[in-house]
Amino acid sequence: MAAEHQRTVGAVMDGLVDLASMGIDPKDGSLYEDPSPMRLRTYEDEHLMLWYQTIPHRSRVYLKRVNL
């Protein structure tokens, strides 16, 4: 992956980690009310689409796949 794309993905992931630390999903609202909190989630904008997973008990957000 080109360095430019790595920076873009890194910036998006930083934002998703910040939201997850506050218990917020960018699409669905509260992570605390999600019946399947560890499900595979998607994020997309005009530059990329990525799949990620939040693991609250480990305080982690895992990047699973990126499409540019």
Protein backbone atom coordinates (compact mmCIF):
# COMPACT_ATOMS: atom_id res chain seq x y z
CA MET A 1 0.00 0.00 0.00
CA ALA A 2 1.35 3.41 -0.91
CA ALA A 3 2.48 5.70 1.91
CA GLU A 4 -0.28 8.19 1.08
CA HIS A 5 -2.92 5.48 1.52
CA GLN A 6 -1.27 4.27 4.73
CA ARG A 7 -1.59 7.78 6.19
CA THR A 8 -5.26 7.96 5.18
CA VAL A 9 -6.04 4.56 6.72
CA GLY A 10 -4.06 5.49 9.85
CA ALA A 11 -6.04 8.71 10.27
CA VAL A 12 -9.37 6.90 9.86
CA MET A 13 -8.32 4.21 12.34
CA ASP A 14 -7.23 6.86 14.87
CA GLY A 15 -10.72 8.33 14.64
CA LEU A 16 -12.39 4.93 15.01
CA VAL A 17 -10.24 4.14 18.05
CA ASP A 18 -11.18 7.48 19.63
CA LEU A 19 -14.88 6.81 19.03
CA ALA A 20 -14.62 3.25 20.38
CA SER A 21 -12.89 4.51 23.53
CA MET A 22 -16.01 6.64 24.12
CA GLY A 23 -18.34 3.72 23.34
CA ILE A 24 -19.55 5.20 20.04
CA ASP A 25 -19.96 3.53 16.65
CA PRO A 26 -19.92 6.05 13.76
CA LYS A 27 -22.96 4.43 12.10
CA ASP A 28 -25.02 2.82 14.84
CA GLY A 29 -24.55 5.00 17.90
CA SER A 30 -23.75 3.43 21.25
CA LEU A 31 -21.52 0.37 21.39
CA TYR A 32 -22.96 -0.37 24.82
CA GLU A 33 -26.42 -1.10 23.39
CA ASP A 34 -25.17 -3.23 20.47
CA PRO A 35 -26.47 -6.82 20.72
CA SER A 36 -23.38 -8.05 18.80
CA PRO A 37 -20.55 -5.78 19.96
CA MET A 38 -17.77 -7.81 18.32
CA ARG A 39 -19.38 -8.03 14.87
CA LEU A 40 -17.48 -6.98 11.78
CA ARG A 41 -18.17 -3.30 11.07
CA THR A 42 -17.58 -1.20 7.97
CA TYR A 43 -16.51 2.38 7.41
CA GLU A 44 -16.46 4.04 4.01
CA ASP A 45 -15.87 7.43 2.48
CA GLU A 46 -15.02 8.66 -1.02
CA HIS A 47 -11.45 7.32 -0.77
CA LEU A 48 -11.69 3.93 0.91
CA MET A 49 -13.76 1.23 2.53
CA LEU A 50 -12.52 -0.71 5.50
CA TRP A 51 -13.74 -3.50 7.72
CA TYR A 52 -12.89 -3.47 11.40
CA GLN A 53 -13.87 -5.08 14.66
CA THR A 54 -14.11 -3.57 18.13
CA ILE A 55 -13.21 -5.78 21.08
CA PRO A 56 -14.32 -3.84 24.18
CA HIS A 57 -12.99 -6.26 26.81
CA ARG A 58 -9.51 -5.99 25.25
CA SER A 59 -9.79 -2.25 24.54
CA ARG A 60 -8.86 -2.88 20.92
CA VAL A 61 -10.01 -2.02 17.42
CA TYR A 62 -8.77 -4.49 14.81
CA LEU A 63 -8.45 -3.55 11.14
CA LYS A 64 -9.54 -6.53 9.04
CA ARG A 65 -9.54 -5.34 5.41
CA VAL A 66 -9.05 -2.21 3.29
CA ASN A 67 -10.36 -1.50 -0.22
CA LEU A 68 -9.06 1.63 -1.91
